[in-house]
Amino acid sequence: MTAAGSRGVLVTGASRGIGRATALAFAERGDRVAVHYAHGRDDAAQTLAALPGSGHVLVQGDLGDPAAATALVDEAVAGLGGISVLVNNAGAAPDPGNVHRVQDTSFEDWAAAWDTMVRVNLLGTAHVSWAAARHLVASGTGGAIVNVGSRGALRGEPDYPAYGATKAGVHALGQSLALALAPHDIAVASVAPGFVATDRQAAKLAGEQGDGLRAQSPFGRVGTAEEVAAAVVYLASPEARWSSGAVLDVNGASYLHT
């Protein structure tokens, strides 16, 4: 693809993992990428340095802060000369420090987990989407928004109920925006990954849980960040316009539903 045909793409949470793989996948097809980070500037800079091509930029902002969430979109638009694609990947992910099982979590810890995940995963995604949609509509050239949701939104997350609920909200948000933005030739869809092998999950995969996690899929393994990125790139393509509103499972048949 020539530079003249490249798109401006904002990937939130692009410092590591799925976000980094997604930024790379877009850059490899000739797009210009805004690599967003909240706190890990060094990791984000490594992502930026790894991107082929030119015209890529770093943008910073805490999605839990509404003003910062909208400002980072303006920064990306200015740095890239416009955007055609938004990938909502950033979020507060499950980890050992934010387990909040309803039966054995104090109300203080319960409320804190919900507050963080609602502010970042759901409201942050909503605010970034609002700001990006305004730019996309004003440009008059169409575009795409792709949300990174979760299998947990569909099958439940007993150890992290706020995570499951906010990701379900992200799926629903995407479908509402798909209806609202279709008249502007803007497609909106989501991916729902299962367990993905990222740096953050390396210890879990190497430990006692590893075999059980791999056994969830009949392929006998977990997914890769690159496989999720490939699905995101497809949903952001003009060829996927008619999939607007979809929630695409990317879980290796580990969870099937109708």
C-alpha atoms as a PDB file:
ATOM      1  CA  MET A   1       0.000   0.000   0.000  1.00  0.00           C
ATOM      2  CA  THR A   2       1.349   3.455  -0.842  1.00  0.00           C
ATOM      3  CA  ALA A   3       1.620   6.242   1.698  1.00  0.00           C
ATOM      4  CA  ALA A   4      -1.197   8.066  -0.078  1.00  0.00           C
ATOM      5  CA  GLY A   5      -3.494   5.121   0.586  1.00  0.00           C
ATOM      6  CA  SER A   6      -2.518   4.573   4.198  1.00  0.00           C
ATOM      7  CA  ARG A   7      -4.951   5.160   7.029  1.00  0.00           C
ATOM      8  CA  GLY A   8      -4.482   6.837  10.387  1.00  0.00           C
ATOM      9  CA  VAL A   9      -5.113   4.231  13.095  1.00  0.00           C
ATOM     10  CA  LEU A  10      -5.355   4.864  16.837  1.00  0.00           C
ATOM     11  CA  VAL A  11      -4.709   1.768  18.975  1.00  0.00           C
ATOM     12  CA  THR A  12      -5.322   2.288  22.674  1.00  0.00           C
ATOM     13  CA  GLY A  13      -3.272   0.260  25.122  1.00  0.00           C
ATOM     14  CA  ALA A  14      -0.605  -0.466  22.511  1.00  0.00           C
ATOM     15  CA  SER A  15       2.376  -0.770  24.861  1.00  0.00           C
ATOM     16  CA  ARG A  16       2.349  -4.563  25.018  1.00  0.00           C
ATOM     17  CA  GLY A  17       0.365  -7.704  24.268  1.00  0.00           C
ATOM     18  CA  ILE A  18      -2.648  -7.529  21.975  1.00  0.00           C
ATOM     19  CA  GLY A  19      -2.277  -3.779  21.525  1.00  0.00           C
ATOM     20  CA  ARG A  20       1.328  -4.052  20.372  1.00  0.00           C
ATOM     21  CA  ALA A  21       0.507  -6.913  17.994  1.00  0.00           C
ATOM     22  CA  THR A  22      -2.391  -4.884  16.589  1.00  0.00           C
ATOM     23  CA  ALA A  23      -0.267  -1.790  16.060  1.00  0.00           C
ATOM     24  CA  LEU A  24       2.303  -3.914  14.230  1.00  0.00           C
ATOM     25  CA  ALA A  25      -0.352  -5.551  12.056  1.00  0.00           C
ATOM     26  CA  PHE A  26      -1.718  -2.202  10.880  1.00  0.00           C
ATOM     27  CA  ALA A  27       1.746  -0.752  10.285  1.00  0.00           C
ATOM     28  CA  GLU A  28       2.735  -3.818   8.259  1.00  0.00           C
ATOM     29  CA  ARG A  29      -0.117  -3.140   5.852  1.00  0.00           C
ATOM     30  CA  GLY A  30       1.053   0.452   5.366  1.00  0.00           C
ATOM     31  CA  ASP A  31      -1.073   2.329   7.887  1.00  0.00           C
ATOM     32  CA  ARG A  32       0.153   5.100  10.187  1.00  0.00           C
ATOM     33  CA  VAL A  33      -0.397   4.220  13.830  1.00  0.00           C
ATOM     34  CA  ALA A  34      -0.884   6.259  16.992  1.00  0.00           C
ATOM     35  CA  VAL A  35       0.487   4.091  19.806  1.00  0.00           C
ATOM     36  CA  HIS A  36      -1.419   4.954  22.973  1.00  0.00           C
ATOM     37  CA  TYR A  37      -0.228   4.284  26.485  1.00  0.00           C
ATOM     38  CA  ALA A  38      -1.404   5.295  29.936  1.00  0.00           C
ATOM     39  CA  HIS A  39       1.693   4.776  32.088  1.00  0.00           C
ATOM     40  CA  GLY A  40       4.205   2.455  30.355  1.00  0.00           C
ATOM     41  CA  ARG A  41       6.036   4.943  28.156  1.00  0.00           C
ATOM     42  CA  ASP A  42       9.130   2.751  27.776  1.00  0.00           C
ATOM     43  CA  ASP A  43       7.058  -0.199  26.538  1.00  0.00           C
ATOM     44  CA  ALA A  44       5.106   2.089  24.202  1.00  0.00           C
ATOM     45  CA  ALA A  45       8.333   3.487  22.820  1.00  0.00           C
ATOM     46  CA  GLN A  46       9.477  -0.061  22.095  1.00  0.00           C
ATOM     47  CA  THR A  47       6.244  -0.655  20.184  1.00  0.00           C
ATOM     48  CA  LEU A  48       6.758   2.549  18.221  1.00  0.00           C
ATOM     49  CA  ALA A  49      10.345   1.631  17.358  1.00  0.00           C
ATOM     50  CA  ALA A  50       9.239  -1.772  16.066  1.00  0.00           C
ATOM     51  CA  LEU A  51       6.668  -0.402  13.615  1.00  0.00           C
ATOM     52  CA  PRO A  52       7.640  -0.540   9.952  1.00  0.00           C
ATOM     53  CA  GLY A  53       7.044   2.509   7.822  1.00  0.00           C
ATOM     54  CA  SER A  54       6.862   6.123   8.920  1.00  0.00           C
ATOM     55  CA  GLY A  55       4.454   8.670  10.343  1.00  0.00           C
ATOM     56  CA  HIS A  56       3.705   6.789  13.568  1.00  0.00           C
ATOM     57  CA  VAL A  57       3.276   8.682  16.852  1.00  0.00           C
ATOM     58  CA  LEU A  58       2.986   8.130  20.595  1.00  0.00           C
ATOM     59  CA  VAL A  59      -0.034   9.449  22.495  1.00  0.00           C
ATOM     60  CA  GLN A  60      -0.602   9.318  26.239  1.00  0.00           C
ATOM     61  CA  GLY A  61      -3.708   9.445  28.399  1.00  0.00           C
ATOM     62  CA  ASP A  62      -5.407   7.715  31.313  1.00  0.00           C
ATOM     63  CA  LEU A  63      -8.714   6.340  30.047  1.00  0.00           C
ATOM     64  CA  GLY A  64     -10.100   6.602  33.565  1.00  0.00           C
ATOM     65  CA  ASP A  65     -10.012  10.390  33.177  1.00  0.00           C
ATOM     66  CA  PRO A  66     -12.728  11.579  30.762  1.00  0.00           C
ATOM     67  CA  ALA A  67     -10.806  14.697  29.737  1.00  0.00           C
ATOM     68  CA  ALA A  68      -7.645  12.696  29.051  1.00  0.00           C
ATOM     69  CA  ALA A  69      -9.588  10.053  27.133  1.00  0.00           C
ATOM     70  CA  THR A  70     -10.961  12.590  24.678  1.00  0.00           C
ATOM     71  CA  ALA A  71      -7.734  14.620  24.509  1.00  0.00           C
ATOM     72  CA  LEU A  72      -5.682  11.613  23.414  1.00  0.00           C
ATOM     73  CA  VAL A  73      -7.925  11.250  20.370  1.00  0.00           C
ATOM     74  CA  ASP A  74      -7.312  14.889  19.418  1.00  0.00           C
ATOM     75  CA  GLU A  75      -3.584  14.280  19.888  1.00  0.00           C
ATOM     76  CA  ALA A  76      -3.701  11.243  17.608  1.00  0.00           C
ATOM     77  CA  VAL A  77      -5.652  13.122  14.949  1.00  0.00           C
ATOM     78  CA  ALA A  78      -3.132  15.954  15.023  1.00  0.00           C
ATOM     79  CA  GLY A  79      -0.130  13.626  14.966  1.00  0.00           C
ATOM     80  CA  LEU A  80      -1.402  11.420  12.152  1.00  0.00           C
ATOM     81  CA  GLY A  81      -3.152  14.092  10.135  1.00  0.00           C
ATOM     82  CA  GLY A  82      -6.514  12.389  10.765  1.00  0.00           C
ATOM     83  CA  ILE A  83      -7.737   8.954  11.727  1.00  0.00           C
ATOM     84  CA  SER A  84      -9.806   6.387   9.876  1.00  0.00           C
ATOM     85  CA  VAL A  85      -9.704   3.580  12.458  1.00  0.00           C
ATOM     86  CA  LEU A  86     -10.003   3.390  16.228  1.00  0.00           C
ATOM     87  CA  VAL A  87      -9.107   0.199  18.083  1.00  0.00           C
ATOM     88  CA  ASN A  88     -10.364   0.222  21.664  1.00  0.00           C
ATOM     89  CA  ASN A  89      -7.929  -2.198  23.264  1.00  0.00           C
ATOM     90  CA  ALA A  90      -6.883  -0.506  26.514  1.00  0.00           C
ATOM     91  CA  GLY A  91      -8.456  -1.753  29.704  1.00  0.00           C
ATOM     92  CA  ALA A  92      -8.021  -2.831  33.293  1.00  0.00           C
ATOM     93  CA  ALA A  93      -7.287  -6.538  32.938  1.00  0.00           C
ATOM     94  CA  PRO A  94      -7.801  -9.332  35.473  1.00  0.00           C
ATOM     95  CA  ASP A  95      -4.754 -10.060  37.588  1.00  0.00           C
ATOM     96  CA  PRO A  96      -4.044 -11.567  41.024  1.00  0.00           C
ATOM     97  CA  GLY A  97      -4.263  -8.135  42.606  1.00  0.00           C
ATOM     98  CA  ASN A  98      -7.856  -7.400  41.568  1.00  0.00           C
ATOM     99  CA  VAL A  99      -9.661 -10.699  42.171  1.00  0.00           C
ATOM    100  CA  HIS A 100     -13.094  -9.845  43.597  1.00  0.00           C
ATOM    101  CA  ARG A 101     -15.172 -12.979  44.105  1.00  0.00           C
ATOM    102  CA  VAL A 102     -18.480 -11.889  45.580  1.00  0.00           C
ATOM    103  CA  GLN A 103     -18.449 -14.554  48.313  1.00  0.00           C
ATOM    104  CA  ASP A 104     -15.097 -13.670  49.873  1.00  0.00           C
ATOM    105  CA  THR A 105     -14.271 -10.050  48.967  1.00  0.00           C
ATOM    106  CA  SER A 106     -14.694  -7.124  51.336  1.00  0.00           C
ATOM    107  CA  PHE A 107     -17.064  -4.431  50.190  1.00  0.00           C
ATOM    108  CA  GLU A 108     -14.178  -1.960  50.053  1.00  0.00           C
ATOM    109  CA  ASP A 109     -12.229  -4.161  47.638  1.00  0.00           C
ATOM    110  CA  TRP A 110     -15.397  -5.035  45.711  1.00  0.00           C
ATOM    111  CA  ALA A 111     -16.282  -1.377  45.189  1.00  0.00           C
ATOM    112  CA  ALA A 112     -12.704  -0.483  44.229  1.00  0.00           C
ATOM    113  CA  ALA A 113     -12.575  -3.199  41.549  1.00  0.00           C
ATOM    114  CA  TRP A 114     -15.888  -2.097  40.090  1.00  0.00           C
ATOM    115  CA  ASP A 115     -14.918   1.572  40.145  1.00  0.00           C
ATOM    116  CA  THR A 116     -11.653   0.985  38.280  1.00  0.00           C
ATOM    117  CA  MET A 117     -13.051  -1.381  35.672  1.00  0.00           C
ATOM    118  CA  VAL A 118     -16.148   0.679  34.955  1.00  0.00           C
ATOM    119  CA  ARG A 119     -14.111   3.895  34.626  1.00  0.00           C
ATOM    120  CA  VAL A 120     -11.435   2.390  32.391  1.00  0.00           C
ATOM    121  CA  ASN A 121     -13.012  -0.513  30.508  1.00  0.00           C
ATOM    122  CA  LEU A 122     -16.466   0.876  29.854  1.00  0.00           C
ATOM    123  CA  LEU A 123     -16.487   4.648  30.335  1.00  0.00           C
ATOM    124  CA  GLY A 124     -12.987   5.069  28.929  1.00  0.00           C
ATOM    125  CA  THR A 125     -13.948   3.116  25.827  1.00  0.00           C
ATOM    126  CA  ALA A 126     -17.151   5.135  25.516  1.00  0.00           C
ATOM    127  CA  HIS A 127     -15.367   8.475  25.821  1.00  0.00           C
ATOM    128  CA  VAL A 128     -12.622   7.593  23.331  1.00  0.00           C
ATOM    129  CA  SER A 129     -15.281   6.276  20.935  1.00  0.00           C
ATOM    130  CA  TRP A 130     -17.277   9.506  21.248  1.00  0.00           C
ATOM    131  CA  ALA A 131     -14.256  11.622  20.422  1.00  0.00           C
ATOM    132  CA  ALA A 132     -13.159   9.403  17.533  1.00  0.00           C
ATOM    133  CA  ALA A 133     -16.676   9.238  16.107  1.00  0.00           C
ATOM    134  CA  ARG A 134     -16.842  13.030  15.976  1.00  0.00           C
ATOM    135  CA  HIS A 135     -13.668  13.121  13.884  1.00  0.00           C
ATOM    136  CA  LEU A 136     -14.770  10.243  11.661  1.00  0.00           C
ATOM    137  CA  VAL A 137     -18.167  11.799  10.977  1.00  0.00           C
ATOM    138  CA  ALA A 138     -16.630  15.210  10.296  1.00  0.00           C
ATOM    139  CA  SER A 139     -14.153  13.728   7.817  1.00  0.00           C
ATOM    140  CA  GLY A 140     -16.989  12.328   5.711  1.00  0.00           C
ATOM    141  CA  THR A 141     -14.803   9.485   4.463  1.00  0.00           C
ATOM    142  CA  GLY A 142     -16.098   6.604   6.580  1.00  0.00           C
ATOM    143  CA  GLY A 143     -13.994   4.417   8.802  1.00  0.00           C
ATOM    144  CA  ALA A 144     -14.145   1.791  11.510  1.00  0.00           C
ATOM    145  CA  ILE A 145     -14.138   1.303  15.254  1.00  0.00           C
ATOM    146  CA  VAL A 146     -13.130  -2.103  16.620  1.00  0.00           C
ATOM    147  CA  ASN A 147     -13.482  -2.951  20.299  1.00  0.00           C
ATOM    148  CA  VAL A 148     -11.471  -5.630  22.074  1.00  0.00           C
ATOM    149  CA  GLY A 149     -14.011  -7.306  24.325  1.00  0.00           C
ATOM    150  CA  SER A 150     -13.758 -10.712  25.934  1.00  0.00           C
ATOM    151  CA  ARG A 151     -15.059 -14.259  26.019  1.00  0.00           C
ATOM    152  CA  GLY A 152     -15.711 -13.499  29.693  1.00  0.00           C
ATOM    153  CA  ALA A 153     -18.538 -11.171  28.687  1.00  0.00           C
ATOM    154  CA  LEU A 154     -20.380 -14.201  27.339  1.00  0.00           C
ATOM    155  CA  ARG A 155     -19.546 -17.039  29.707  1.00  0.00           C
ATOM    156  CA  GLY A 156     -19.114 -15.052  32.937  1.00  0.00           C
ATOM    157  CA  GLU A 157     -16.103 -14.215  35.112  1.00  0.00           C
ATOM    158  CA  PRO A 158     -16.743 -15.424  38.681  1.00  0.00           C
ATOM    159  CA  ASP A 159     -13.334 -14.246  39.915  1.00  0.00           C
ATOM    160  CA  TYR A 160     -13.603 -10.915  38.090  1.00  0.00           C
ATOM    161  CA  PRO A 161     -17.313 -10.087  37.697  1.00  0.00           C
ATOM    162  CA  ALA A 162     -16.655  -6.390  37.045  1.00  0.00           C
ATOM    163  CA  TYR A 163     -14.387  -7.342  34.160  1.00  0.00           C
ATOM    164  CA  GLY A 164     -17.011  -9.618  32.607  1.00  0.00           C
ATOM    165  CA  ALA A 165     -19.740  -7.029  33.049  1.00  0.00           C
ATOM    166  CA  THR A 166     -17.734  -4.139  31.617  1.00  0.00           C
ATOM    167  CA  LYS A 167     -16.667  -6.186  28.610  1.00  0.00           C
ATOM    168  CA  ALA A 168     -20.307  -7.119  28.014  1.00  0.00           C
ATOM    169  CA  GLY A 169     -20.994  -3.401  28.117  1.00  0.00           C
ATOM    170  CA  VAL A 170     -18.271  -2.819  25.544  1.00  0.00           C
ATOM    171  CA  HIS A 171     -19.933  -5.347  23.229  1.00  0.00           C
ATOM    172  CA  ALA A 172     -23.304  -3.621  23.677  1.00  0.00           C
ATOM    173  CA  LEU A 173     -21.754  -0.192  23.183  1.00  0.00           C
ATOM    174  CA  GLY A 174     -20.267  -1.364  19.901  1.00  0.00           C
ATOM    175  CA  GLN A 175     -23.637  -2.556  18.654  1.00  0.00           C
ATOM    176  CA  SER A 176     -25.320   0.714  19.607  1.00  0.00           C
ATOM    177  CA  LEU A 177     -22.624   2.702  17.825  1.00  0.00           C
ATOM    178  CA  ALA A 178     -22.891   0.415  14.797  1.00  0.00           C
ATOM    179  CA  LEU A 179     -26.514   1.486  14.391  1.00  0.00           C
ATOM    180  CA  ALA A 180     -25.771   5.150  14.975  1.00  0.00           C
ATOM    181  CA  LEU A 181     -22.741   5.436  12.694  1.00  0.00           C
ATOM    182  CA  ALA A 182     -23.713   3.243   9.728  1.00  0.00           C
ATOM    183  CA  PRO A 183     -25.320   6.206   7.886  1.00  0.00           C
ATOM    184  CA  HIS A 184     -21.840   7.774   7.920  1.00  0.00           C
ATOM    185  CA  ASP A 185     -20.228   4.632   6.454  1.00  0.00           C
ATOM    186  CA  ILE A 186     -18.533   3.907   9.779  1.00  0.00           C
ATOM    187  CA  ALA A 187     -18.498   0.255  10.806  1.00  0.00           C
ATOM    188  CA  VAL A 188     -18.302  -0.769  14.462  1.00  0.00           C
ATOM    189  CA  ALA A 189     -17.587  -4.303  15.618  1.00  0.00           C
ATOM    190  CA  SER A 190     -15.952  -6.166  18.500  1.00  0.00           C
ATOM    191  CA  VAL A 191     -13.730  -9.167  19.027  1.00  0.00           C
ATOM    192  CA  ALA A 192     -14.201 -11.467  22.012  1.00  0.00           C
ATOM    193  CA  PRO A 193     -10.871 -13.197  22.664  1.00  0.00           C
ATOM    194  CA  GLY A 194     -10.452 -16.186  24.900  1.00  0.00           C
ATOM    195  CA  PHE A 195      -7.280 -16.709  26.907  1.00  0.00           C
ATOM    196  CA  VAL A 196      -4.316 -15.179  25.067  1.00  0.00           C
ATOM    197  CA  ALA A 197      -0.618 -15.839  25.627  1.00  0.00           C
ATOM    198  CA  THR A 198       0.859 -12.434  26.469  1.00  0.00           C
ATOM    199  CA  ASP A 199       3.756 -11.393  28.685  1.00  0.00           C
ATOM    200  CA  ARG A 200       1.270 -10.611  31.434  1.00  0.00           C
ATOM    201  CA  GLN A 201      -0.055 -14.185  31.370  1.00  0.00           C
ATOM    202  CA  ALA A 202       3.283 -16.003  31.073  1.00  0.00           C
ATOM    203  CA  ALA A 203       3.474 -16.991  34.741  1.00  0.00           C
ATOM    204  CA  LYS A 204      -0.052 -18.378  34.712  1.00  0.00           C
ATOM    205  CA  LEU A 205       0.628 -20.464  31.609  1.00  0.00           C
ATOM    206  CA  ALA A 206       3.869 -21.818  33.073  1.00  0.00           C
ATOM    207  CA  GLY A 207       2.271 -22.680  36.405  1.00  0.00           C
ATOM    208  CA  GLU A 208      -0.199 -25.311  37.560  1.00  0.00           C
ATOM    209  CA  GLN A 209      -3.053 -23.649  35.673  1.00  0.00           C
ATOM    210  CA  GLY A 210      -1.277 -23.843  32.324  1.00  0.00           C
ATOM    211  CA  ASP A 211      -2.427 -27.287  31.251  1.00  0.00           C
ATOM    212  CA  GLY A 212      -6.018 -26.499  32.205  1.00  0.00           C
ATOM    213  CA  LEU A 213      -5.983 -23.268  30.240  1.00  0.00           C
ATOM    214  CA  ARG A 214      -4.621 -24.999  27.146  1.00  0.00           C
ATOM    215  CA  ALA A 215      -7.200 -27.787  27.516  1.00  0.00           C
ATOM    216  CA  GLN A 216     -10.058 -25.283  27.263  1.00  0.00           C
ATOM    217  CA  SER A 217      -9.609 -25.298  23.485  1.00  0.00           C
ATOM    218  CA  PRO A 218      -9.811 -28.448  21.345  1.00  0.00           C
ATOM    219  CA  PHE A 219      -6.672 -27.127  19.629  1.00  0.00           C
ATOM    220  CA  GLY A 220      -4.846 -27.843  22.869  1.00  0.00           C
ATOM    221  CA  ARG A 221      -3.351 -24.372  23.188  1.00  0.00           C
ATOM    222  CA  VAL A 222      -4.250 -20.792  23.983  1.00  0.00           C
ATOM    223  CA  GLY A 223      -4.514 -17.965  21.493  1.00  0.00           C
ATOM    224  CA  THR A 224      -1.821 -15.545  20.420  1.00  0.00           C
ATOM    225  CA  ALA A 225      -1.886 -11.770  20.327  1.00  0.00           C
ATOM    226  CA  GLU A 226      -1.213 -11.951  16.596  1.00  0.00           C
ATOM    227  CA  GLU A 227      -4.371 -14.023  16.024  1.00  0.00           C
ATOM    228  CA  VAL A 228      -6.475 -11.422  17.807  1.00  0.00           C
ATOM    229  CA  ALA A 229      -4.741  -8.653  15.873  1.00  0.00           C
ATOM    230  CA  ALA A 230      -5.552 -10.360  12.563  1.00  0.00           C
ATOM    231  CA  ALA A 231      -9.244 -10.399  13.482  1.00  0.00           C
ATOM    232  CA  VAL A 232      -9.121  -6.716  14.435  1.00  0.00           C
ATOM    233  CA  VAL A 233      -7.433  -5.762  11.162  1.00  0.00           C
ATOM    234  CA  TYR A 234     -10.085  -7.657   9.212  1.00  0.00           C
ATOM    235  CA  LEU A 235     -12.981  -5.987  11.038  1.00  0.00           C
ATOM    236  CA  ALA A 236     -11.395  -2.593  10.351  1.00  0.00           C
ATOM    237  CA  SER A 237     -11.115  -3.298   6.625  1.00  0.00           C
ATOM    238  CA  PRO A 238     -13.541  -2.044   3.969  1.00  0.00           C
ATOM    239  CA  GLU A 239     -14.290  -5.700   3.163  1.00  0.00           C
ATOM    240  CA  ALA A 240     -15.792  -6.128   6.639  1.00  0.00           C
ATOM    241  CA  ARG A 241     -18.289  -3.262   6.415  1.00  0.00           C
ATOM    242  CA  TRP A 242     -21.201  -5.729   6.318  1.00  0.00           C
ATOM    243  CA  SER A 243     -19.999  -7.266   9.591  1.00  0.00           C
ATOM    244  CA  SER A 244     -20.708  -4.022  11.431  1.00  0.00           C
ATOM    245  CA  GLY A 245     -22.422  -4.788  14.724  1.00  0.00           C
ATOM    246  CA  ALA A 246     -20.801  -8.213  15.005  1.00  0.00           C
ATOM    247  CA  VAL A 247     -19.071  -9.647  18.050  1.00  0.00           C
ATOM    248  CA  LEU A 248     -16.468 -12.019  16.633  1.00  0.00           C
ATOM    249  CA  ASP A 249     -15.362 -14.919  18.841  1.00  0.00           C
ATOM    250  CA  VAL A 250     -11.590 -15.415  18.771  1.00  0.00           C
ATOM    251  CA  ASN A 251     -11.304 -18.219  21.294  1.00  0.00           C
ATOM    252  CA  GLY A 252     -10.247 -21.393  19.484  1.00  0.00           C
ATOM    253  CA  ALA A 253     -13.677 -23.014  20.016  1.00  0.00           C
ATOM    254  CA  SER A 254     -13.080 -22.882  23.768  1.00  0.00           C
ATOM    255  CA  TYR A 255     -16.535 -21.378  24.328  1.00  0.00           C
ATOM    256  CA  LEU A 256     -19.413 -21.946  21.912  1.00  0.00           C
ATOM    257  CA  HIS A 257     -22.766 -20.224  22.076  1.00  0.00           C
ATOM    258  CA  THR A 258     -25.727 -19.394  19.886  1.00  0.00           C
END
